[in-house]
Amino acid sequence: MAWYEETTFYHIYPLGLTGAPQQNDYSEPVHRLNTLIPWIEHIKEIGCSGLYIGPLFESVGHGYETTDYRKLDSRLGTNEDLKEFVRKCHEAGIRVILDGVFNHTGRDFFAFRDIQEHRENSRYRDWYCNVNFWGNNEYNDGFSYDNWGGFNLLAKLNLRNPEVRDYLLDVVRFWVAEFDIDGLRLDAADVLDFDFMRSLRNLCDRLKPEFWLMGEVIHGDYTRWVNEHTLHSVTNYHLHKALYSGHNDHNYFEIAHTVRRQVGMGLGSAGGVRLYSFVDNHDVERIYTKLRNKAHFLPVHVLLYTLPGIPSIYYGSEFGIEGRKEKYSDASLRPCLNLEELTREPNRCLEIVRALGRIHQRESALWYGDYRELQLTTTAYAFARGDVIITVNNSDDPAHFEVPAEGNYVGALSGKKVASDWGKLRLDLDGNGGEIWIPEERSEEYGQPLNLQSVPVSEKTETQAQEGRETRTQSSTEPLSQNIAESQNEDGTETQIQNSTQSLPQNTAESLPRRAAEPKAYEDMTVEELQAEILAKMAANGPVTDRMKQDVLENVYPNSLLNWVKSFR
């Protein structure tokens, strides 16, 4: 049982939160990281005991085009600032993990600069993938090279080169020795070399007990990355998508199927690995923006904190702030925020997150308890984690549950008490509600129940909620992640479930995404065309299973699809 299995993470994108300039002029350091120190107490107060913060190291722009791995970005301050920040986090009982951007560097990185200067004679020419001095690029370097996501700003490192691998491992040694960090989130882990990840895991297991390695993976079979030889966890984008679309579409079958499938793979089961769960982050729209009915903020977060996984809150989303993704910029997803202003008035979303954080800290069943599905319709969902029972409702109307249980239970959020009758609990839930039912003998630990009626809702929030209710019957513009109108479980046993009114297209040539009619660059393709290209390339390499098709159709992120389609040889 490791610390990260019992943690709720808080996620900060520091260049955005501190209001740093979007471009780095490499001038004298500005100590903006120190402005985040007041956030440490806030992170602790809402029940988070882990902080994922990054990117942090010197770069020219958004932070993922690294210039110097051993120097805090000068827009944020100095290495001493980072050392002190981590120390204060540890004093507050908060573990710290940083971004490890090891797939690519920026063009200002010393090795890339040397290639620009010395070309074929550079000793670093093999530090990058497929450097071709017969080619060129939009920067007119007089050579071409592999990149990440179609962006030549991000030059892809050759992780098969022992010098590169040793250099990056030394960087990790430096970070642990200098800053005393507790883990890494590996950027673009879905395209990292597996031998490199094995070397990194071996090093980290020796460097620090329970050092955590979590990877950014969007599509695919997560067990490829999560095992005893590579990473401890990866980002659970499958569940992320199901959580918001399962509410927008009034379709709890999508969420339940996603969980059932992952638990069946050993992801989240008792004794198994735990994926990194989230409802938003620095790359996707804020959950409050994505939800058509803003009242779904409660059941969505009840599920985030209680389904198998390691929950994470992206900075600011605990206040219900908006953030819509723009075509050419993620700046709206990474705003500068003033903590004092945000906490000046009571906030309904904050109260929900604070209460859930307190419950997650106290209930070990939410860390290690077996998952058991108890009741499922399109609008009502009940499951157990050990001896804790969770109920959620995405309908405006009240929901009634009858679930097997013995003894007396108390709602940890509402304080409502209920006793079992002939081996069943009969539970009622308000519209758009959620509750975590705790055995009565443990209920005294929770103090005052959550009273949302006493927390005012702003006029803006009320308007948004009304708009969500008016549009909730419209079809989703996002593809569903699974055809969940099933009649059998994976073990073949029949299940009584309602047919969903929405499902994925059937696996036929007519319903799968169509390839572009005319040849075009991958960068100019739509999401559907990129999906079709990936499926075609898969088919050229061998049989394509339903699960493989599903992984492609679930991925609706253009940059990820672009990176995926280019990965085929």
Protein backbone atom coordinates (compact mmCIF):
# COMPACT_ATOMS: atom_id res chain seq x y z
CA MET A 1 0.00 0.00 0.00
CA ALA A 2 1.77 3.11 -1.29
CA TRP A 3 1.03 6.77 -0.50
CA TYR A 4 -0.21 7.52 -4.02
CA GLU A 5 -2.93 4.88 -3.79
CA GLU A 6 -4.55 6.86 -0.96
CA THR A 7 -4.07 10.33 -2.39
CA THR A 8 -6.25 12.95 -4.04
CA PHE A 9 -4.10 15.12 -6.32
CA TYR A 10 -4.29 18.81 -7.04
CA HIS A 11 -3.03 19.79 -10.48
CA ILE A 12 -1.41 23.16 -11.16
CA TYR A 13 -0.18 24.55 -14.47
CA PRO A 14 2.22 27.08 -12.93
CA LEU A 15 2.96 29.35 -15.90
CA GLY A 16 -0.77 29.99 -16.22
CA LEU A 17 -1.71 30.25 -12.55
CA THR A 18 1.10 32.73 -11.83
CA GLY A 19 0.29 34.89 -14.88
CA ALA A 20 3.73 34.41 -16.43
CA PRO A 21 4.36 35.88 -19.92
CA GLN A 22 3.58 33.43 -22.73
CA GLN A 23 7.04 33.89 -24.21
CA ASN A 24 10.31 33.63 -22.30
CA ASP A 25 12.96 36.23 -23.04
CA TYR A 26 15.44 34.41 -20.76
CA SER A 27 15.98 37.55 -18.70
CA GLU A 28 16.48 37.80 -14.95
CA PRO A 29 14.31 35.44 -12.88
CA VAL A 30 10.96 36.70 -11.61
CA HIS A 31 9.92 34.91 -8.41
CA ARG A 32 6.35 34.10 -9.43
CA LEU A 33 6.48 30.57 -7.99
CA ASN A 34 6.48 32.13 -4.51
CA THR A 35 2.99 33.50 -5.17
CA LEU A 36 1.73 29.90 -5.11
CA ILE A 37 2.74 29.32 -1.48
CA PRO A 38 -0.72 30.43 -0.17
CA TRP A 39 -2.26 27.76 -2.39
CA ILE A 40 -0.55 25.03 -0.33
CA GLU A 41 -2.92 25.54 2.60
CA HIS A 42 -5.88 25.63 0.23
CA ILE A 43 -4.77 22.35 -1.36
CA LYS A 44 -4.56 20.74 2.05
CA GLU A 45 -7.85 22.25 3.21
CA ILE A 46 -9.85 20.67 0.36
CA GLY A 47 -8.45 17.23 1.16
CA CYS A 48 -5.63 16.87 -1.38
CA SER A 49 -2.38 15.30 -0.21
CA GLY A 50 -0.60 15.24 -3.56
CA LEU A 51 0.35 18.04 -5.96
CA TYR A 52 1.09 17.55 -9.65
CA ILE A 53 2.72 20.77 -10.82
CA GLY A 54 4.29 21.38 -14.19
CA PRO A 55 5.89 22.05 -16.50
CA LEU A 56 8.47 23.92 -14.44
CA PHE A 57 11.80 23.96 -16.23
CA GLU A 58 13.28 26.56 -18.54
CA SER A 59 11.45 26.75 -21.85
CA VAL A 60 10.60 29.29 -24.50
CA GLY A 61 6.80 29.18 -24.37
CA HIS A 62 4.16 26.89 -22.88
CA GLY A 63 6.73 24.86 -20.95
CA TYR A 64 6.84 21.63 -22.93
CA GLU A 65 9.57 22.85 -25.30
CA THR A 66 12.36 22.45 -22.74
CA THR A 67 15.47 24.62 -22.98
CA ASP A 68 17.22 23.54 -19.76
CA TYR A 69 16.19 20.56 -17.62
CA ARG A 70 18.23 21.70 -14.63
CA LYS A 71 16.93 25.23 -14.25
CA LEU A 72 13.53 26.47 -13.06
CA ASP A 73 11.89 28.54 -15.77
CA SER A 74 13.13 32.09 -15.21
CA ARG A 75 9.55 33.34 -15.52
CA LEU A 76 8.84 31.41 -12.31
CA GLY A 77 12.02 32.10 -10.34
CA THR A 78 15.12 30.19 -9.31
CA ASN A 79 15.98 26.67 -8.25
CA GLU A 80 16.03 27.89 -4.66
CA ASP A 81 12.41 28.97 -5.05
CA LEU A 82 11.42 25.50 -6.22
CA LYS A 83 13.39 23.82 -3.46
CA GLU A 84 11.62 25.98 -0.86
CA PHE A 85 8.21 25.42 -2.45
CA VAL A 86 8.59 21.63 -2.30
CA ARG A 87 9.82 21.86 1.28
CA LYS A 88 6.71 23.82 2.30
CA CYS A 89 4.49 21.28 0.54
CA HIS A 90 6.16 18.46 2.46
CA GLU A 91 5.70 20.35 5.73
CA ALA A 92 1.96 20.45 4.94
CA GLY A 93 1.89 16.72 4.24
CA ILE A 94 1.63 17.17 0.47
CA ARG A 95 3.71 15.04 -1.90
CA VAL A 96 4.95 16.69 -5.10
CA ILE A 97 5.27 15.29 -8.61
CA LEU A 98 6.65 17.21 -11.57
CA ASP A 99 6.30 17.01 -15.33
CA GLY A 100 8.99 14.92 -17.01
CA VAL A 101 9.12 16.06 -20.63
CA PHE A 102 11.41 13.42 -22.08
CA ASN A 103 9.95 12.72 -25.52
CA HIS A 104 11.11 16.00 -27.04
CA THR A 105 12.95 19.25 -26.37
CA GLY A 106 12.61 22.79 -27.57
CA ARG A 107 14.78 24.21 -30.33
CA ASP A 108 16.76 26.24 -27.79
CA PHE A 109 18.04 23.10 -26.06
CA PHE A 110 21.85 22.92 -26.21
CA ALA A 111 21.98 19.72 -28.28
CA PHE A 112 19.63 21.07 -30.94
CA ARG A 113 21.54 24.35 -31.06
CA ASP A 114 24.74 22.41 -31.66
CA ILE A 115 23.18 20.61 -34.65
CA GLN A 116 22.09 23.96 -36.08
CA GLU A 117 25.64 25.26 -35.76
CA HIS A 118 27.70 22.23 -36.77
CA ARG A 119 25.21 20.27 -38.89
CA GLU A 120 26.71 16.90 -39.96
CA ASN A 121 29.69 17.44 -37.69
CA SER A 122 27.64 17.88 -34.54
CA ARG A 123 28.27 15.21 -31.91
CA TYR A 124 24.58 15.52 -31.03
CA ARG A 125 23.17 14.76 -34.48
CA ASP A 126 22.00 11.34 -33.21
CA TRP A 127 20.32 12.82 -30.13
CA TYR A 128 17.21 13.41 -32.24
CA CYS A 129 15.15 11.11 -34.44
CA ASN A 130 15.66 11.06 -38.21
CA VAL A 131 17.75 14.19 -38.60
CA ASN A 132 17.97 14.60 -42.38
CA PHE A 133 20.41 17.16 -43.82
CA TRP A 134 18.82 16.78 -47.26
CA GLY A 135 15.57 18.15 -45.89
CA ASN A 136 14.31 21.44 -44.48
CA ASN A 137 11.51 22.87 -42.33
CA GLU A 138 9.52 26.05 -41.78
CA TYR A 139 12.42 27.49 -39.73
CA ASN A 140 14.75 27.03 -42.73
CA ASP A 141 17.28 25.06 -40.66
CA GLY A 142 18.51 23.27 -43.75
CA PHE A 143 17.57 19.92 -42.19
CA SER A 144 14.44 18.09 -41.07
CA TYR A 145 13.74 15.93 -38.02
CA ASP A 146 10.96 14.06 -36.28
CA ASN A 147 8.74 16.01 -33.92
CA TRP A 148 5.79 15.56 -31.60
CA GLY A 149 2.26 16.11 -32.88
CA GLY A 150 3.38 17.72 -36.15
CA PHE A 151 5.04 20.64 -34.34
CA ASN A 152 8.68 21.26 -35.26
CA LEU A 153 8.87 23.41 -32.14
CA LEU A 154 9.04 20.06 -30.29
CA ALA A 155 12.03 18.11 -31.61
CA LYS A 156 11.74 14.39 -30.86
CA LEU A 157 14.60 12.93 -28.82
CA ASN A 158 16.20 9.64 -29.82
CA LEU A 159 15.64 7.64 -26.65
CA ARG A 160 17.37 4.63 -28.22
CA ASN A 161 20.63 6.56 -28.02
CA PRO A 162 22.42 5.56 -24.76
CA GLU A 163 23.82 9.08 -24.35
CA VAL A 164 20.34 10.61 -24.45
CA ARG A 165 18.96 8.00 -22.08
CA ASP A 166 21.82 8.49 -19.60
CA TYR A 167 21.47 12.27 -19.81
CA LEU A 168 17.76 12.17 -18.93
CA LEU A 169 18.29 9.67 -16.12
CA ASP A 170 20.91 12.01 -14.68
CA VAL A 171 18.31 14.79 -14.86
CA VAL A 172 15.95 12.71 -12.74
CA ARG A 173 18.73 12.02 -10.24
CA PHE A 174 19.33 15.77 -10.06
CA TRP A 175 15.63 16.55 -9.48
CA VAL A 176 15.37 14.06 -6.64
CA ALA A 177 18.62 15.19 -5.00
CA GLU A 178 18.02 18.92 -5.50
CA PHE A 179 14.27 19.26 -4.99
CA ASP A 180 13.28 16.07 -3.12
CA ILE A 181 10.34 15.36 -5.46
CA ASP A 182 8.11 12.33 -4.97
CA GLY A 183 7.27 11.35 -8.52
CA LEU A 184 6.94 12.28 -12.17
CA ARG A 185 4.15 12.67 -14.65
CA LEU A 186 5.64 11.66 -18.01
CA ASP A 187 4.48 13.90 -20.82
CA ALA A 188 3.47 12.09 -24.06
CA ALA A 189 4.07 8.71 -22.44
CA ASP A 190 2.05 7.02 -25.19
CA VAL A 191 4.97 7.59 -27.60
CA LEU A 192 7.89 7.17 -25.19
CA ASP A 193 10.32 4.32 -25.82
CA PHE A 194 9.44 1.37 -23.59
CA ASP A 195 13.09 0.50 -22.91
CA PHE A 196 13.61 4.05 -21.66
CA MET A 197 10.61 3.75 -19.36
CA ARG A 198 11.96 0.48 -17.99
CA SER A 199 15.31 2.12 -17.30
CA LEU A 200 13.55 5.04 -15.64
CA ARG A 201 11.45 2.74 -13.45
CA ASN A 202 14.53 0.80 -12.41
CA LEU A 203 16.33 4.02 -11.46
CA CYS A 204 13.41 5.52 -9.56
CA ASP A 205 12.77 2.34 -7.58
CA ARG A 206 16.33 2.69 -6.28
CA LEU A 207 16.36 6.46 -5.84
CA LYS A 208 13.45 6.89 -3.46
CA PRO A 209 10.94 4.54 -1.81
CA GLU A 210 7.50 4.67 -3.43
CA PHE A 211 8.60 7.14 -6.11
CA TRP A 212 5.56 7.41 -8.40
CA LEU A 213 5.64 7.31 -12.19
CA MET A 214 2.45 8.33 -13.96
CA GLY A 215 2.19 8.73 -17.72
CA GLU A 216 0.07 10.81 -20.07
CA VAL A 217 -1.69 8.22 -22.24
CA ILE A 218 -4.91 9.00 -24.09
CA HIS A 219 -5.80 5.97 -26.18
CA GLY A 220 -4.96 2.29 -26.22
CA ASP A 221 -4.71 -0.59 -23.79
CA TYR A 222 -3.49 1.04 -20.58
CA THR A 223 -1.94 -2.20 -19.34
CA ARG A 224 0.79 -1.78 -21.97
CA TRP A 225 2.15 1.07 -19.88
CA VAL A 226 1.00 0.20 -16.36
CA ASN A 227 2.89 -2.77 -14.95
CA GLU A 228 5.72 -3.61 -12.58
CA HIS A 229 8.38 -2.82 -15.20
CA THR A 230 7.31 0.59 -16.56
CA LEU A 231 4.74 2.94 -14.95
CA HIS A 232 2.59 2.84 -11.84
CA SER A 233 -0.33 4.66 -13.45
CA VAL A 234 -1.54 6.56 -16.50
CA THR A 235 -4.15 9.23 -17.20
CA ASN A 236 -7.62 7.70 -17.50
CA TYR A 237 -8.96 9.54 -20.55
CA HIS A 238 -11.50 6.79 -21.17
CA LEU A 239 -13.19 7.49 -17.84
CA HIS A 240 -12.78 11.25 -18.26
CA LYS A 241 -14.83 11.16 -21.45
CA ALA A 242 -17.44 8.84 -19.97
CA LEU A 243 -17.97 11.01 -16.89
CA TYR A 244 -19.08 14.12 -18.71
CA SER A 245 -20.83 12.54 -21.70
CA GLY A 246 -22.56 10.00 -19.47
CA HIS A 247 -24.23 12.95 -17.76
CA ASN A 248 -24.79 15.11 -20.83
CA ASP A 249 -26.42 12.15 -22.61
CA HIS A 250 -28.25 10.86 -19.52
CA ASN A 251 -26.44 7.59 -20.07
CA TYR A 252 -24.93 5.94 -17.00
CA PHE A 253 -24.41 2.76 -19.03
CA GLU A 254 -21.42 4.43 -20.70
CA ILE A 255 -19.75 5.11 -17.35
CA ALA A 256 -20.59 1.69 -15.90
CA HIS A 257 -19.31 -0.12 -18.97
CA THR A 258 -16.04 1.82 -18.92
CA VAL A 259 -15.51 0.95 -15.26
CA ARG A 260 -16.52 -2.70 -15.77
CA ARG A 261 -14.08 -3.06 -18.64
CA GLN A 262 -11.17 -1.49 -16.75
CA VAL A 263 -11.79 -3.46 -13.55
CA GLY A 264 -11.89 -6.60 -15.68
CA MET A 265 -8.40 -5.71 -16.92
CA GLY A 266 -7.13 -5.37 -13.35
CA LEU A 267 -7.21 -1.57 -13.43
CA GLY A 268 -8.75 -0.46 -10.15
CA SER A 269 -9.67 -3.84 -8.75
CA ALA A 270 -8.59 -4.68 -5.20
CA GLY A 271 -4.89 -5.43 -5.38
CA GLY A 272 -4.67 -3.98 -8.89
CA VAL A 273 -3.23 -0.75 -10.22
CA ARG A 274 -5.05 2.57 -10.02
CA LEU A 275 -5.37 4.95 -12.93
CA TYR A 276 -5.17 8.73 -12.58
CA SER A 277 -8.76 10.00 -12.71
CA PHE A 278 -9.79 13.54 -13.64
CA VAL A 279 -12.70 15.50 -15.04
CA ASP A 280 -10.54 18.22 -16.61
CA ASN A 281 -6.92 19.29 -16.96
CA HIS A 282 -4.70 21.79 -18.77
CA ASP A 283 -5.44 20.25 -22.19
CA VAL A 284 -9.23 19.86 -22.11
CA GLU A 285 -12.21 22.09 -21.39
CA ARG A 286 -13.26 22.77 -17.82
CA ILE A 287 -15.85 20.36 -16.48
CA TYR A 288 -18.20 23.26 -15.65
CA THR A 289 -18.06 24.29 -19.31
CA LYS A 290 -18.58 20.76 -20.63
CA LEU A 291 -21.64 20.01 -18.49
CA ARG A 292 -24.91 21.04 -20.12
CA ASN A 293 -26.68 20.88 -16.78
CA LYS A 294 -24.47 22.58 -14.21
CA ALA A 295 -26.29 20.72 -11.42
CA HIS A 296 -24.42 17.61 -12.62
CA PHE A 297 -21.29 19.02 -10.99
CA LEU A 298 -22.30 17.10 -7.84
CA PRO A 299 -22.85 13.58 -9.25
CA VAL A 300 -19.85 13.91 -11.58
CA HIS A 301 -17.55 14.67 -8.65
CA VAL A 302 -19.11 12.00 -6.44
CA LEU A 303 -18.12 9.53 -9.15
CA LEU A 304 -14.64 11.05 -9.54
CA TYR A 305 -13.94 10.53 -5.84
CA THR A 306 -15.54 7.09 -5.46
CA LEU A 307 -14.94 5.07 -8.63
CA PRO A 308 -11.71 3.03 -8.74
CA GLY A 309 -8.77 5.34 -9.38
CA ILE A 310 -6.68 8.20 -8.00
CA PRO A 311 -8.78 11.39 -8.19
CA SER A 312 -7.36 14.72 -9.26
CA ILE A 313 -8.69 18.29 -9.20
CA TYR A 314 -7.41 20.83 -11.74
CA TYR A 315 -6.71 24.20 -10.18
CA GLY A 316 -9.74 26.48 -10.19
CA SER A 317 -12.26 23.83 -11.14
CA GLU A 318 -13.17 23.38 -7.48
CA PHE A 319 -14.71 26.85 -7.78
CA GLY A 320 -16.70 25.94 -10.88
CA ILE A 321 -14.82 28.27 -13.22
CA GLU A 322 -15.36 28.07 -16.98
CA GLY A 323 -12.75 27.32 -19.62
CA ARG A 324 -13.49 26.66 -23.29
CA LYS A 325 -10.82 25.20 -25.56
CA GLU A 326 -9.82 27.44 -28.45
CA LYS A 327 -8.57 26.22 -31.81
CA TYR A 328 -5.10 27.73 -31.66
CA SER A 329 -4.61 28.40 -27.96
CA ASP A 330 -5.04 26.69 -24.61
CA ALA A 331 -4.62 29.95 -22.68
CA SER A 332 -8.28 29.99 -21.59
CA LEU A 333 -7.73 26.60 -19.94
CA ARG A 334 -4.71 27.86 -17.99
CA PRO A 335 -5.74 31.18 -16.43
CA CYS A 336 -4.13 33.33 -13.77
CA LEU A 337 -6.33 33.15 -10.65
CA ASN A 338 -6.45 35.08 -7.40
CA LEU A 339 -7.06 32.71 -4.50
CA GLU A 340 -8.15 35.47 -2.13
CA GLU A 341 -10.85 36.63 -4.55
CA LEU A 342 -12.03 33.09 -5.24
CA THR A 343 -12.48 32.29 -1.55
CA ARG A 344 -14.02 35.61 -0.53
CA GLU A 345 -17.62 34.45 -1.02
CA PRO A 346 -19.24 31.05 -0.29
CA ASN A 347 -19.03 28.75 -3.30
CA ARG A 348 -21.25 25.75 -3.89
CA CYS A 349 -18.75 23.85 -6.04
CA LEU A 350 -15.98 24.41 -3.50
CA GLU A 351 -18.19 23.04 -0.70
CA ILE A 352 -18.85 19.90 -2.74
CA VAL A 353 -15.17 19.30 -3.46
CA ARG A 354 -14.17 20.05 0.14
CA ALA A 355 -16.72 17.55 1.48
CA LEU A 356 -15.71 14.85 -0.99
CA GLY A 357 -12.05 15.39 -0.17
CA ARG A 358 -12.77 14.88 3.52
CA ILE A 359 -14.67 11.65 2.81
CA HIS A 360 -11.98 10.28 0.49
CA GLN A 361 -9.32 10.92 3.12
CA ARG A 362 -11.22 8.94 5.77
CA GLU A 363 -12.66 6.00 3.83
CA SER A 364 -10.05 3.36 2.97
CA ALA A 365 -12.78 1.48 1.08
CA LEU A 366 -12.53 4.21 -1.56
CA TRP A 367 -8.83 3.37 -1.96
CA TYR A 368 -8.84 -0.41 -1.75
CA GLY A 369 -12.45 -1.62 -1.70
CA ASP A 370 -13.73 -4.00 -4.37
CA TYR A 371 -16.05 -2.42 -6.94
CA ARG A 372 -19.51 -4.01 -7.23
CA GLU A 373 -22.22 -2.71 -9.51
CA LEU A 374 -25.56 -2.73 -7.66
CA GLN A 375 -28.15 -0.93 -9.81
CA LEU A 376 -28.03 0.67 -13.24
CA THR A 377 -30.40 2.57 -15.49
CA THR A 378 -29.71 5.40 -17.90
CA THR A 379 -30.31 7.96 -15.13
CA ALA A 380 -29.58 6.12 -11.85
CA TYR A 381 -26.43 4.28 -10.87
CA ALA A 382 -25.46 2.54 -7.63
CA PHE A 383 -22.31 0.63 -6.76
CA ALA A 384 -20.29 -0.39 -3.74
CA ARG A 385 -16.66 0.04 -2.79
CA GLY A 386 -16.15 -2.43 0.03
CA ASP A 387 -18.83 -1.60 2.62
CA VAL A 388 -19.45 1.90 1.22
CA ILE A 389 -22.40 2.40 -1.14
CA ILE A 390 -22.55 5.17 -3.74
CA THR A 391 -25.66 6.42 -5.52
CA VAL A 392 -25.91 9.06 -8.26
CA ASN A 393 -28.79 10.46 -10.29
CA ASN A 394 -28.51 12.46 -13.55
CA SER A 395 -32.25 13.15 -13.85
CA ASP A 396 -34.10 16.24 -12.65
CA ASP A 397 -36.54 13.85 -10.97
CA PRO A 398 -35.85 11.99 -7.71
CA ALA A 399 -34.46 8.45 -7.93
CA HIS A 400 -35.17 5.40 -5.79
CA PHE A 401 -32.66 2.63 -5.14
CA GLU A 402 -32.97 -0.77 -3.54
CA VAL A 403 -29.58 -2.32 -2.95
CA PRO A 404 -28.40 -5.33 -0.92
CA ALA A 405 -26.90 -4.37 2.45
CA GLU A 406 -27.18 -5.13 6.16
CA GLY A 407 -27.24 -2.66 9.04
CA ASN A 408 -27.66 1.08 9.35
CA TYR A 409 -26.13 3.62 6.98
CA VAL A 410 -25.66 7.38 6.98
CA GLY A 411 -25.23 9.67 3.97
CA ALA A 412 -21.79 11.22 4.42
CA LEU A 413 -22.86 14.29 2.43
CA SER A 414 -26.43 14.79 3.65
CA GLY A 415 -26.34 13.21 7.11
CA LYS A 416 -29.49 11.28 6.24
CA LYS A 417 -29.91 7.98 8.15
CA VAL A 418 -31.38 4.78 6.70
CA ALA A 419 -31.76 1.25 8.06
CA SER A 420 -31.72 -1.97 6.04
CA ASP A 421 -34.93 -3.95 5.78
CA TRP A 422 -34.81 -7.67 5.00
CA GLY A 423 -31.29 -7.37 3.61
CA LYS A 424 -31.97 -4.27 1.51
CA LEU A 425 -31.36 -0.56 1.77
CA ARG A 426 -34.09 1.59 0.27
CA LEU A 427 -32.47 4.87 -0.70
CA ASP A 428 -34.01 8.01 -2.17
CA LEU A 429 -31.95 10.62 -3.97
CA ASP A 430 -32.87 14.11 -5.13
CA GLY A 431 -32.71 15.04 -8.78
CA ASN A 432 -29.14 15.54 -10.06
CA GLY A 433 -27.89 14.25 -6.73
CA GLY A 434 -25.17 12.05 -5.37
CA GLU A 435 -24.52 10.40 -2.02
CA ILE A 436 -21.92 8.24 -0.30
CA TRP A 437 -23.50 5.91 2.26
CA ILE A 438 -21.25 5.00 5.19
CA PRO A 439 -21.93 2.36 7.88
CA GLU A 440 -23.43 4.23 10.84
CA GLU A 441 -20.66 3.26 13.25
CA ARG A 442 -18.20 5.40 11.23
CA SER A 443 -20.52 8.30 10.49
CA GLU A 444 -19.57 10.42 13.53
CA GLU A 445 -16.24 11.19 11.86
CA TYR A 446 -17.92 13.36 9.25
CA GLY A 447 -19.23 16.18 11.39
CA GLN A 448 -21.76 18.58 9.90
CA PRO A 449 -23.48 17.40 6.69
CA LEU A 450 -23.14 19.28 3.42
CA ASN A 451 -25.91 21.92 3.27
CA LEU A 452 -25.92 23.26 -0.26
CA GLN A 453 -29.14 25.15 0.32
CA SER A 454 -27.21 27.58 2.53
CA VAL A 455 -24.68 28.35 -0.20
CA PRO A 456 -25.92 30.97 -2.68
CA VAL A 457 -25.72 30.34 -6.41
CA SER A 458 -24.68 33.27 -8.56
CA GLU A 459 -27.05 34.63 -11.19
CA LYS A 460 -24.63 33.45 -13.87
CA THR A 461 -24.63 29.91 -12.52
CA GLU A 462 -28.44 29.85 -12.36
CA THR A 463 -28.64 31.00 -15.98
CA GLN A 464 -26.14 28.36 -17.09
CA ALA A 465 -27.99 25.65 -15.21
CA GLN A 466 -31.27 26.64 -16.86
CA GLU A 467 -29.60 26.57 -20.28
CA GLY A 468 -28.29 23.11 -19.48
CA ARG A 469 -31.77 21.85 -18.55
CA GLU A 470 -33.23 23.27 -21.76
CA THR A 471 -30.65 21.54 -23.96
CA ARG A 472 -30.21 18.28 -22.09
CA THR A 473 -32.36 16.34 -24.57
CA GLN A 474 -30.23 17.32 -27.53
CA SER A 475 -27.88 14.75 -29.01
CA SER A 476 -24.25 14.93 -27.96
CA THR A 477 -21.75 16.17 -30.53
CA GLU A 478 -19.18 13.76 -29.07
CA PRO A 479 -19.16 10.07 -30.03
CA LEU A 480 -20.17 7.70 -27.24
CA SER A 481 -17.31 5.59 -26.00
CA GLN A 482 -19.14 2.28 -26.12
CA ASN A 483 -22.29 0.58 -27.37
CA ILE A 484 -23.70 -0.14 -23.95
CA ALA A 485 -27.06 -1.59 -24.98
CA GLU A 486 -25.80 -4.98 -23.87
CA SER A 487 -27.63 -8.08 -22.73
CA GLN A 488 -24.61 -9.89 -21.29
CA ASN A 489 -21.73 -9.19 -18.98
CA GLU A 490 -18.18 -10.00 -20.05
CA ASP A 491 -18.48 -13.31 -18.21
CA GLY A 492 -21.52 -14.22 -20.28
CA THR A 493 -24.12 -13.84 -17.52
CA GLU A 494 -27.30 -12.00 -18.41
CA THR A 495 -27.89 -8.55 -16.95
CA GLN A 496 -31.19 -6.69 -16.62
CA ILE A 497 -30.48 -3.29 -18.15
CA GLN A 498 -32.41 -0.79 -20.18
CA ASN A 499 -31.51 -0.21 -23.81
CA SER A 500 -29.72 3.06 -24.32
CA THR A 501 -31.26 5.44 -26.80
CA GLN A 502 -27.75 6.16 -28.09
CA SER A 503 -24.94 3.87 -29.13
CA LEU A 504 -21.84 3.73 -31.21
CA PRO A 505 -22.17 2.93 -34.90
CA GLN A 506 -22.20 -0.77 -35.67
CA ASN A 507 -18.88 -2.19 -36.84
CA THR A 508 -19.63 -2.01 -40.54
CA ALA A 509 -17.83 -0.33 -43.41
CA GLU A 510 -20.80 2.04 -43.81
CA SER A 511 -20.75 3.32 -40.25
CA LEU A 512 -17.03 3.59 -39.49
CA PRO A 513 -15.33 6.95 -40.16
CA ARG A 514 -14.59 7.50 -43.85
CA ARG A 515 -11.12 8.30 -45.17
CA ALA A 516 -10.54 11.54 -47.01
CA ALA A 517 -11.80 11.37 -50.59
CA GLU A 518 -8.68 13.11 -51.90
CA PRO A 519 -5.11 12.73 -50.58
CA LYS A 520 -4.37 15.43 -48.01
CA ALA A 521 -1.82 16.10 -45.29
CA TYR A 522 -2.63 14.60 -41.92
CA GLU A 523 -2.56 18.10 -40.42
CA ASP A 524 -5.48 19.09 -42.70
CA MET A 525 -7.67 16.10 -41.82
CA THR A 526 -10.76 16.15 -39.64
CA VAL A 527 -11.03 13.99 -36.52
CA GLU A 528 -13.14 11.47 -38.46
CA GLU A 529 -10.63 11.30 -41.31
CA LEU A 530 -7.73 10.77 -38.89
CA GLN A 531 -9.69 7.99 -37.16
CA ALA A 532 -10.31 6.35 -40.53
CA GLU A 533 -6.62 6.57 -41.48
CA ILE A 534 -5.59 4.94 -38.21
CA LEU A 535 -8.09 2.10 -38.68
CA ALA A 536 -6.85 1.56 -42.22
CA LYS A 537 -3.23 1.41 -41.08
CA MET A 538 -4.18 -1.01 -38.31
CA ALA A 539 -5.95 -3.23 -40.83
CA ALA A 540 -2.84 -3.23 -43.04
CA ASN A 541 -0.82 -4.59 -40.11
CA GLY A 542 -3.22 -7.41 -39.18
CA PRO A 543 -6.67 -8.15 -37.75
CA VAL A 544 -8.43 -5.23 -36.03
CA THR A 545 -10.40 -6.27 -32.96
CA ASP A 546 -13.53 -4.55 -31.67
CA ARG A 547 -11.50 -3.20 -28.75
CA MET A 548 -8.93 -1.70 -31.11
CA LYS A 549 -11.71 -0.02 -33.09
CA GLN A 550 -13.21 1.22 -29.87
CA ASP A 551 -9.94 2.82 -28.75
CA VAL A 552 -9.75 4.73 -32.03
CA LEU A 553 -13.37 5.92 -31.93
CA GLU A 554 -13.05 7.05 -28.31
CA ASN A 555 -10.15 9.34 -29.18
CA VAL A 556 -11.52 12.70 -30.34
CA TYR A 557 -8.36 14.76 -29.69
CA PRO A 558 -6.80 16.03 -32.98
CA ASN A 559 -3.20 16.29 -31.72
CA SER A 560 -3.32 12.80 -30.24
CA LEU A 561 -4.81 11.32 -33.43
CA LEU A 562 -2.20 13.15 -35.51
CA ASN A 563 0.57 11.75 -33.36
CA TRP A 564 -0.98 8.27 -33.49
CA VAL A 565 -1.36 8.14 -37.28
CA LYS A 566 2.25 9.26 -37.74
CA SER A 567 3.50 6.52 -35.44
CA PHE A 568 2.82 3.79 -38.03
CA ARG A 569 5.75 2.61 -40.09
